[in-house]
Amino acid sequence: MLQINYIRENSKEVIERLAVKNFNATEIVDQILTLDTERRTIQKKLDDTLAESNKASKEIGGLFKQGKIEEANAMKAKTAELKKASKELNDKLDSIVSELNELLIQLPNLPHPSVPRGNSDADNEKIYEEGTIPQLSDDALPHWELAKKYDIIDFDLGSKVTGAGFPFYKGKGAKLQRALINFFLDRALDAGYTEFQPPLMVNEDSGYGTGQLPDKEGQMYHVTVDNLYLIPTAEVPITNVYRNVILKHDDLPVMNVAYSQCFRREAGSYGKDVRGLNRLHQFDKVEMVQIQHPDKSYETLEQMKEYAASLVRALELPFRILRLCGGDLSFTSALTYDFEVYSGAQKKWLEVSSVSNFENFQANRMKLRFKDENGKTKLAHTLNGSALALPRIVAALLENNQTPAGIKIPEALVPYTGFEIID
């Protein structure tokens, strides 16, 4: 959530920068500024009324001691009127603050100045590419057919038991999943991250804190009886560990990593791009989360980007890095790098990671703060990144490494799988 002080002092800039996200903020910003002016006016009246009431209350006892009964009773009546006025002002203030917050949560995060303008993923900016595009034989199979051929992923069984987008992993397919998870976690621990195993459901406050609610409510699975939400990513529970927390300066950076299953309704997704592992409702992902000093968050973002690149590189997959344009940037992100790997049989790029800096947007919603070197309390910056999401990694590994003898396992994964080939 944007800070009201920043909007008040930089309203024109806020409108201009949100236009990069194709968000017309003019009307909402005007409403916010009007309500903010009214809020401050009422707050001053309330403060003055309370001060007058407190002063009158102190005088009553002295008047009684002096025997000025009539004046004391008049002062008591005045105090009663002031208390009534204070309550009315306080109720009005609460109403305005509530209305103001409802408007504030509708504003997306401001994009970083480096974010290019654009309307969709077609306008994202490629900033890096590495690896050789695999040249497969004419009879190369897409991963969903390889999965059936080697009996390692069963999409039909998943549809029978649950529904489309909930596959079963079997035999070496299940072991490949576990190998990737352990590989990613071990790499993260070596890089200095602390491992968490989070709950798979969160409450409404947690969804609000990281910005999934109310923006992405329709994409989350809602357990209505208990009013809990299945997590779309481990970012939500791990970042919310620090909701309403004031960290010490020496605590930064906080570096946490978590493996979790993720759940997304993916409402509106259909067609050839959702075949097989391309788009699932339940999938596995290792997520890294950092909480950092505002002065160091963009340096940290670059480090997280390079770390994600090292994982894809170790898996011997061709990949590219994109800087997302304003139209493809999430509601909460200030700057996001997407990683895509090349899927040889499908002949297209598949997203496997997003690494993002949210600056203080999430921290302001969560009241996540830290004490700086001078003891002043400030909002921290939050960052997160997939390290990595498994489904499309598996799709690319299966397709790119298929041979007449079977599917070869990258060397870095063999100690985790215990086998070199799926045959």
Protein backbone atom coordinates (compact mmCIF):
# COMPACT_ATOMS: atom_id res chain seq x y z
CA MET A 1 0.00 0.00 0.00
CA LEU A 2 1.31 3.44 -0.91
CA GLN A 3 1.97 5.81 1.97
CA ILE A 4 -0.52 8.65 2.27
CA ASN A 5 2.25 11.18 2.95
CA TYR A 6 3.96 10.23 -0.31
CA ILE A 7 0.72 10.54 -2.29
CA ARG A 8 0.01 13.95 -0.72
CA GLU A 9 3.46 15.30 -1.54
CA ASN A 10 3.87 13.64 -4.96
CA SER A 11 0.35 13.25 -6.35
CA LYS A 12 1.28 14.16 -9.92
CA GLU A 13 4.20 11.72 -9.93
CA VAL A 14 2.00 8.94 -8.51
CA ILE A 15 -0.53 9.41 -11.32
CA GLU A 16 2.19 9.50 -13.99
CA ARG A 17 4.03 6.43 -12.71
CA LEU A 18 0.89 4.35 -12.31
CA ALA A 19 0.04 5.19 -15.91
CA VAL A 20 3.06 3.00 -16.81
CA LYS A 21 1.04 0.12 -15.32
CA ASN A 22 -1.89 1.26 -17.48
CA PHE A 23 -3.70 2.28 -14.32
CA ASN A 24 -5.60 5.58 -14.40
CA ALA A 25 -5.19 6.85 -10.84
CA THR A 26 -6.43 10.42 -11.32
CA GLU A 27 -9.88 9.98 -9.83
CA ILE A 28 -8.78 7.81 -6.89
CA VAL A 29 -5.86 10.10 -6.04
CA ASP A 30 -8.20 13.12 -6.07
CA GLN A 31 -10.60 11.30 -3.74
CA ILE A 32 -7.73 10.29 -1.47
CA LEU A 33 -6.44 13.85 -1.24
CA THR A 34 -9.92 15.20 -0.48
CA LEU A 35 -10.49 12.64 2.25
CA ASP A 36 -7.00 13.17 3.63
CA THR A 37 -7.64 16.91 3.97
CA GLU A 38 -10.94 16.20 5.71
CA ARG A 39 -9.24 13.63 7.95
CA ARG A 40 -6.56 16.06 9.06
CA THR A 41 -9.13 18.81 9.70
CA ILE A 42 -11.25 16.53 11.87
CA GLN A 43 -8.17 15.16 13.61
CA LYS A 44 -7.18 18.72 14.59
CA LYS A 45 -10.70 19.45 15.86
CA LEU A 46 -10.65 16.21 17.83
CA ASP A 47 -7.23 16.97 19.32
CA ASP A 48 -8.34 20.48 20.29
CA THR A 49 -11.58 19.19 21.80
CA LEU A 50 -9.79 16.52 23.80
CA ALA A 51 -7.25 19.04 25.05
CA GLU A 52 -10.03 21.41 26.12
CA SER A 53 -11.89 18.55 27.80
CA ASN A 54 -8.79 17.44 29.70
CA LYS A 55 -8.12 21.00 30.83
CA ALA A 56 -11.72 21.41 32.02
CA SER A 57 -11.63 18.10 33.89
CA LYS A 58 -8.56 19.21 35.82
CA GLU A 59 -10.23 22.48 36.79
CA ILE A 60 -13.35 20.86 38.27
CA GLY A 61 -11.63 19.51 41.37
CA GLY A 62 -10.02 22.87 42.13
CA LEU A 63 -13.34 24.68 41.84
CA PHE A 64 -15.00 22.28 44.27
CA LYS A 65 -12.14 22.75 46.76
CA GLN A 66 -12.58 26.50 46.48
CA GLY A 67 -16.28 26.11 47.20
CA LYS A 68 -17.28 27.32 43.75
CA ILE A 69 -19.96 24.69 43.40
CA GLU A 70 -21.98 26.45 40.68
CA GLU A 71 -18.90 27.05 38.53
CA ALA A 72 -17.75 23.45 39.10
CA ASN A 73 -21.12 22.06 37.98
CA ALA A 74 -21.07 24.33 34.92
CA MET A 75 -17.61 23.02 34.10
CA LYS A 76 -18.86 19.42 34.50
CA ALA A 77 -21.67 20.14 32.06
CA LYS A 78 -19.18 21.65 29.63
CA THR A 79 -16.93 18.57 29.99
CA ALA A 80 -19.89 16.32 29.21
CA GLU A 81 -20.61 18.31 26.05
CA LEU A 82 -16.94 18.16 25.03
CA LYS A 83 -16.87 14.39 25.54
CA LYS A 84 -19.98 14.02 23.41
CA ALA A 85 -18.41 16.19 20.71
CA SER A 86 -15.19 14.14 20.94
CA LYS A 87 -17.11 10.91 20.40
CA GLU A 88 -18.92 12.32 17.37
CA LEU A 89 -15.63 13.56 15.90
CA ASN A 90 -13.93 10.24 16.63
CA ASP A 91 -16.74 8.28 14.96
CA LYS A 92 -16.56 10.54 11.92
CA LEU A 93 -12.77 10.18 11.85
CA ASP A 94 -13.02 6.38 11.97
CA SER A 95 -15.46 6.46 9.07
CA ILE A 96 -13.17 8.66 6.97
CA VAL A 97 -10.08 6.57 7.78
CA SER A 98 -11.96 3.42 6.75
CA GLU A 99 -13.07 5.04 3.49
CA LEU A 100 -9.54 6.32 2.90
CA ASN A 101 -8.04 2.85 3.40
CA GLU A 102 -10.56 1.36 0.99
CA LEU A 103 -9.25 3.75 -1.65
CA LEU A 104 -5.58 3.27 -0.77
CA ILE A 105 -5.73 -0.50 -1.22
CA GLN A 106 -6.99 0.00 -4.77
CA LEU A 107 -3.76 1.70 -5.83
CA PRO A 108 -1.05 -0.60 -7.23
CA ASN A 109 2.58 -0.23 -6.29
CA LEU A 110 4.55 2.37 -8.23
CA PRO A 111 6.73 0.86 -10.96
CA HIS A 112 10.48 1.44 -10.82
CA PRO A 113 11.72 4.06 -13.35
CA SER A 114 13.42 1.31 -15.36
CA VAL A 115 10.11 -0.47 -16.04
CA PRO A 116 9.29 -0.16 -19.76
CA ARG A 117 5.83 0.85 -20.94
CA GLY A 118 3.72 -1.86 -22.51
CA ASN A 119 0.37 -3.60 -22.48
CA SER A 120 1.18 -7.30 -22.18
CA ASP A 121 3.94 -9.92 -22.01
CA ALA A 122 4.62 -9.22 -25.68
CA ASP A 123 6.10 -5.87 -24.58
CA ASN A 124 8.48 -7.27 -21.97
CA GLU A 125 12.14 -6.37 -22.44
CA LYS A 126 14.65 -9.20 -22.93
CA ILE A 127 17.81 -8.29 -21.02
CA TYR A 128 19.76 -11.57 -21.16
CA GLU A 129 19.84 -14.93 -22.91
CA GLU A 130 22.11 -17.92 -22.38
CA GLY A 131 22.41 -21.45 -23.71
CA THR A 132 21.85 -23.25 -26.97
CA ILE A 133 18.35 -23.89 -28.23
CA PRO A 134 18.01 -27.69 -28.51
CA GLN A 135 17.59 -29.11 -31.98
CA LEU A 136 15.38 -32.14 -31.52
CA SER A 137 14.46 -34.79 -34.04
CA ASP A 138 11.25 -34.53 -36.02
CA ASP A 139 9.66 -37.25 -33.91
CA ALA A 140 10.44 -35.52 -30.58
CA LEU A 141 7.55 -35.70 -28.13
CA PRO A 142 6.06 -32.98 -25.91
CA HIS A 143 6.38 -33.64 -22.20
CA TRP A 144 2.79 -34.82 -21.72
CA GLU A 145 3.40 -37.64 -24.21
CA LEU A 146 6.79 -38.42 -22.68
CA ALA A 147 5.09 -38.59 -19.29
CA LYS A 148 2.69 -41.22 -20.62
CA LYS A 149 5.40 -43.12 -22.52
CA TYR A 150 7.59 -43.54 -19.44
CA ASP A 151 4.67 -43.69 -16.98
CA ILE A 152 6.03 -40.90 -14.75
CA ILE A 153 3.14 -38.38 -14.68
CA ASP A 154 -0.53 -39.30 -14.94
CA PHE A 155 -2.76 -36.40 -15.96
CA ASP A 156 -5.85 -38.55 -16.53
CA LEU A 157 -5.65 -40.04 -13.05
CA GLY A 158 -5.38 -36.53 -11.60
CA SER A 159 -8.50 -35.50 -13.51
CA LYS A 160 -10.34 -38.57 -12.21
CA VAL A 161 -9.43 -38.06 -8.56
CA THR A 162 -9.56 -34.25 -8.42
CA GLY A 163 -9.81 -32.47 -11.75
CA ALA A 164 -7.73 -31.02 -14.56
CA GLY A 165 -4.55 -29.36 -13.35
CA PHE A 166 -3.90 -31.79 -10.47
CA PRO A 167 -1.56 -34.48 -11.89
CA PHE A 168 -0.15 -37.55 -10.17
CA TYR A 169 3.63 -38.00 -10.26
CA LYS A 170 4.71 -41.65 -10.31
CA GLY A 171 7.89 -43.69 -9.99
CA LYS A 172 10.86 -41.81 -11.38
CA GLY A 173 8.61 -38.83 -12.02
CA ALA A 174 7.87 -38.54 -8.29
CA LYS A 175 11.53 -39.01 -7.47
CA LEU A 176 12.50 -36.30 -9.99
CA GLN A 177 10.13 -33.92 -8.21
CA ARG A 178 11.69 -34.70 -4.83
CA ALA A 179 15.19 -34.42 -6.30
CA LEU A 180 14.51 -30.95 -7.69
CA ILE A 181 13.01 -29.76 -4.42
CA ASN A 182 16.01 -30.98 -2.41
CA PHE A 183 18.47 -29.61 -4.96
CA PHE A 184 16.89 -26.15 -4.84
CA LEU A 185 16.70 -26.16 -1.04
CA ASP A 186 20.31 -27.29 -0.61
CA ARG A 187 21.50 -24.56 -2.98
CA ALA A 188 19.53 -21.97 -1.00
CA LEU A 189 20.96 -23.12 2.32
CA ASP A 190 24.46 -22.92 0.85
CA ALA A 191 23.66 -19.33 -0.21
CA GLY A 192 22.79 -18.37 3.38
CA TYR A 193 19.01 -18.74 3.43
CA THR A 194 17.16 -20.14 6.46
CA GLU A 195 14.67 -22.88 5.63
CA PHE A 196 11.01 -22.70 6.69
CA GLN A 197 8.23 -25.21 6.19
CA PRO A 198 5.11 -23.02 6.15
CA PRO A 199 1.41 -23.83 6.52
CA LEU A 200 -0.44 -24.25 3.24
CA MET A 201 -3.37 -22.07 4.34
CA VAL A 202 -3.37 -18.48 5.53
CA ASN A 203 -5.90 -16.16 7.07
CA GLU A 204 -7.37 -13.05 5.50
CA ASP A 205 -4.90 -10.70 7.20
CA SER A 206 -1.97 -12.57 5.64
CA GLY A 207 -3.51 -12.44 2.17
CA TYR A 208 -4.07 -8.72 2.64
CA GLY A 209 -0.54 -8.18 3.98
CA THR A 210 1.26 -9.38 0.86
CA GLY A 211 -1.32 -7.95 -1.53
CA GLN A 212 -3.12 -11.06 -2.79
CA LEU A 213 -6.29 -9.74 -1.17
CA PRO A 214 -8.38 -8.11 -2.35
CA ASP A 215 -6.61 -7.92 -5.74
CA LYS A 216 -6.30 -11.66 -6.49
CA GLU A 217 -9.19 -13.02 -4.44
CA GLY A 218 -10.75 -14.72 -7.46
CA GLN A 219 -7.52 -16.63 -8.16
CA MET A 220 -7.19 -18.10 -4.67
CA TYR A 221 -8.89 -21.22 -3.32
CA HIS A 222 -11.06 -20.11 -0.40
CA VAL A 223 -11.93 -22.47 2.47
CA THR A 224 -15.16 -20.66 3.24
CA VAL A 225 -16.18 -22.34 6.51
CA ASP A 226 -12.95 -21.30 8.23
CA ASN A 227 -12.32 -18.24 6.05
CA LEU A 228 -8.82 -19.46 5.14
CA TYR A 229 -7.05 -19.34 1.78
CA LEU A 230 -4.81 -21.96 0.17
CA ILE A 231 -1.49 -20.28 -0.55
CA PRO A 232 -0.62 -19.33 -4.16
CA THR A 233 3.06 -19.24 -3.14
CA ALA A 234 5.15 -19.60 0.02
CA GLU A 235 5.82 -15.87 -0.25
CA VAL A 236 2.53 -15.26 1.57
CA PRO A 237 3.12 -17.15 4.83
CA ILE A 238 6.88 -16.51 4.94
CA THR A 239 6.63 -12.73 4.47
CA ASN A 240 3.76 -12.55 6.96
CA VAL A 241 5.99 -14.05 9.64
CA TYR A 242 7.13 -10.44 10.05
CA ARG A 243 3.72 -8.76 10.00
CA ASN A 244 3.50 -6.17 12.82
CA VAL A 245 7.17 -6.78 13.67
CA ILE A 246 9.90 -4.20 14.26
CA LEU A 247 13.28 -5.67 13.32
CA LYS A 248 16.66 -4.46 14.51
CA HIS A 249 19.05 -2.90 12.02
CA ASP A 250 21.44 -5.82 12.56
CA ASP A 251 18.69 -8.31 11.64
CA LEU A 252 18.82 -7.20 8.01
CA PRO A 253 18.88 -8.78 5.57
CA VAL A 254 16.43 -11.49 6.54
CA MET A 255 16.87 -14.38 4.10
CA ASN A 256 14.31 -17.20 4.19
CA VAL A 257 13.54 -20.04 1.81
CA ALA A 258 10.62 -22.45 1.76
CA TYR A 259 9.36 -25.35 -0.27
CA SER A 260 5.60 -25.58 -0.53
CA GLN A 261 2.82 -26.77 -2.70
CA CYS A 262 1.05 -23.85 -4.34
CA PHE A 263 -2.60 -23.54 -5.31
CA ARG A 264 -4.01 -21.28 -8.00
CA ARG A 265 -7.41 -21.36 -9.59
CA GLU A 266 -6.05 -19.89 -12.83
CA ALA A 267 -9.57 -18.77 -13.70
CA GLY A 268 -9.98 -18.04 -17.39
CA SER A 269 -6.97 -20.13 -18.48
CA TYR A 270 -7.65 -22.46 -21.38
CA GLY A 271 -6.30 -23.63 -24.72
CA LYS A 272 -3.03 -25.14 -25.90
CA ASP A 273 -0.89 -23.11 -23.48
CA VAL A 274 -2.34 -24.99 -20.49
CA ARG A 275 -1.56 -28.52 -21.72
CA GLY A 276 0.37 -30.87 -19.49
CA LEU A 277 2.54 -29.09 -16.92
CA ASN A 278 2.28 -25.69 -18.56
CA ARG A 279 -0.40 -24.46 -16.17
CA LEU A 280 -1.51 -26.32 -13.06
CA HIS A 281 -3.84 -25.64 -10.16
CA GLN A 282 -1.49 -27.37 -7.70
CA PHE A 283 2.28 -27.37 -8.11
CA ASP A 284 5.56 -27.44 -6.18
CA LYS A 285 7.84 -24.46 -5.78
CA VAL A 286 10.84 -23.38 -3.74
CA GLU A 287 10.53 -19.70 -2.83
CA MET A 288 13.13 -17.27 -1.53
CA VAL A 289 12.06 -14.21 0.49
CA GLN A 290 14.26 -11.36 1.66
CA ILE A 291 13.59 -8.40 3.93
CA GLN A 292 16.13 -5.68 3.33
CA HIS A 293 17.16 -2.13 4.14
CA PRO A 294 15.59 0.28 1.60
CA ASP A 295 19.05 1.50 0.52
CA LYS A 296 20.11 -2.04 -0.43
CA SER A 297 17.00 -3.62 -1.90
CA TYR A 298 17.86 -3.11 -5.57
CA GLU A 299 21.37 -4.43 -5.05
CA THR A 300 19.71 -7.44 -3.39
CA LEU A 301 17.30 -7.82 -6.32
CA GLU A 302 20.24 -8.13 -8.71
CA GLN A 303 21.84 -10.73 -6.44
CA MET A 304 18.62 -12.73 -6.33
CA LYS A 305 18.38 -12.53 -10.10
CA GLU A 306 21.90 -13.91 -10.48
CA TYR A 307 21.14 -16.64 -7.94
CA ALA A 308 18.07 -17.78 -9.89
CA ALA A 309 20.18 -17.78 -13.07
CA SER A 310 22.73 -20.07 -11.38
CA LEU A 311 20.00 -22.65 -10.71
CA VAL A 312 18.77 -22.76 -14.30
CA ARG A 313 22.37 -22.85 -15.50
CA ALA A 314 23.13 -25.82 -13.25
CA LEU A 315 20.22 -27.70 -14.83
CA GLU A 316 21.77 -27.08 -18.28
CA LEU A 317 18.65 -25.40 -19.63
CA PRO A 318 18.74 -22.53 -22.14
CA PHE A 319 17.13 -19.52 -20.52
CA ARG A 320 16.43 -15.85 -20.91
CA ILE A 321 15.66 -13.04 -18.48
CA LEU A 322 12.95 -10.45 -19.13
CA ARG A 323 12.25 -7.14 -17.44
CA LEU A 324 8.48 -6.98 -17.20
CA CYS A 325 6.73 -4.03 -18.78
CA GLY A 326 4.18 -1.97 -16.88
CA GLY A 327 1.21 -3.83 -18.34
CA ASP A 328 2.57 -7.22 -17.23
CA LEU A 329 3.82 -6.12 -13.82
CA SER A 330 1.88 -7.40 -10.81
CA PHE A 331 -0.24 -5.19 -8.58
CA THR A 332 2.35 -5.31 -5.78
CA SER A 333 5.66 -5.27 -7.66
CA ALA A 334 7.89 -2.28 -8.37
CA LEU A 335 10.25 -4.26 -10.61
CA THR A 336 10.15 -7.89 -11.73
CA TYR A 337 12.52 -10.08 -13.69
CA ASP A 338 10.99 -13.16 -15.29
CA PHE A 339 13.06 -16.25 -16.14
CA GLU A 340 12.02 -18.40 -19.06
CA VAL A 341 13.47 -21.72 -20.20
CA TYR A 342 13.17 -23.05 -23.72
CA SER A 343 10.91 -26.03 -24.23
CA GLY A 344 12.38 -27.98 -27.16
CA ALA A 345 9.38 -30.04 -28.29
CA GLN A 346 6.86 -27.25 -27.79
CA LYS A 347 9.29 -24.79 -29.39
CA LYS A 348 8.49 -21.97 -27.00
CA TRP A 349 9.68 -20.23 -23.86
CA LEU A 350 8.17 -21.17 -20.51
CA GLU A 351 8.25 -18.98 -17.40
CA VAL A 352 9.89 -20.71 -14.42
CA SER A 353 10.68 -17.86 -12.04
CA SER A 354 9.80 -14.28 -11.16
CA VAL A 355 12.15 -12.24 -8.99
CA SER A 356 10.59 -9.05 -7.64
CA ASN A 357 11.21 -6.03 -5.45
CA PHE A 358 8.09 -4.71 -3.72
CA GLU A 359 9.96 -1.85 -2.03
CA ASN A 360 7.86 -0.84 1.04
CA PHE A 361 4.47 -1.62 -0.54
CA GLN A 362 3.92 -4.91 1.30
CA ALA A 363 5.73 -3.66 4.40
CA ASN A 364 3.31 -0.74 4.71
CA ARG A 365 0.33 -3.12 4.54
CA MET A 366 1.93 -5.44 7.11
CA LYS A 367 3.48 -2.73 9.33
CA LEU A 368 6.84 -4.46 8.84
CA ARG A 369 9.45 -2.06 10.16
CA PHE A 370 13.03 -1.87 11.40
CA LYS A 371 15.11 0.43 13.58
CA ASP A 372 17.82 2.14 11.55
CA GLU A 373 21.33 3.02 12.73
CA ASN A 374 19.97 6.11 14.48
CA GLY A 375 17.14 4.28 16.22
CA LYS A 376 14.50 5.68 13.86
CA THR A 377 11.67 3.31 12.89
CA LYS A 378 11.30 2.85 9.11
CA LEU A 379 9.44 0.57 6.72
CA ALA A 380 11.55 -2.28 5.38
CA HIS A 381 11.67 -3.43 1.75
CA THR A 382 10.49 -6.93 0.79
CA LEU A 383 11.66 -9.07 -2.12
CA ASN A 384 10.87 -12.56 -3.31
CA GLY A 385 11.66 -14.94 -6.11
CA SER A 386 10.95 -18.46 -7.34
CA ALA A 387 13.97 -20.67 -6.91
CA LEU A 388 12.44 -22.43 -8.73
CA ALA A 389 8.88 -23.42 -9.76
CA LEU A 390 8.94 -27.08 -10.75
CA PRO A 391 6.28 -27.82 -13.41
CA ARG A 392 7.78 -26.02 -16.39
CA ILE A 393 11.31 -26.90 -15.31
CA VAL A 394 10.25 -30.54 -15.46
CA ALA A 395 8.56 -29.97 -18.84
CA ALA A 396 11.76 -28.50 -20.31
CA LEU A 397 13.99 -31.16 -18.73
CA LEU A 398 11.87 -33.96 -20.17
CA GLU A 399 11.58 -32.46 -23.64
CA ASN A 400 15.11 -31.14 -24.09
CA ASN A 401 16.86 -34.26 -22.76
CA GLN A 402 14.90 -36.94 -24.61
CA THR A 403 17.02 -39.48 -26.48
CA PRO A 404 16.27 -42.82 -28.17
CA ALA A 405 17.47 -44.51 -24.97
CA GLY A 406 15.37 -42.39 -22.60
CA ILE A 407 15.44 -39.03 -20.84
CA LYS A 408 18.85 -38.01 -19.52
CA ILE A 409 19.11 -36.40 -16.09
CA PRO A 410 21.36 -33.32 -15.76
CA GLU A 411 24.60 -34.10 -13.96
CA ALA A 412 23.84 -31.79 -11.04
CA LEU A 413 20.62 -33.72 -10.29
CA VAL A 414 22.01 -37.28 -10.44
CA PRO A 415 23.16 -37.31 -6.78
CA TYR A 416 19.55 -36.41 -5.86
CA THR A 417 17.69 -38.76 -8.21
CA GLY A 418 20.01 -41.73 -7.85
CA PHE A 419 19.61 -42.46 -11.56
CA GLU A 420 21.02 -40.97 -14.76
CA ILE A 421 18.19 -41.74 -17.14
CA ILE A 422 14.44 -42.24 -17.20
CA ASP A 423 13.80 -45.28 -19.39
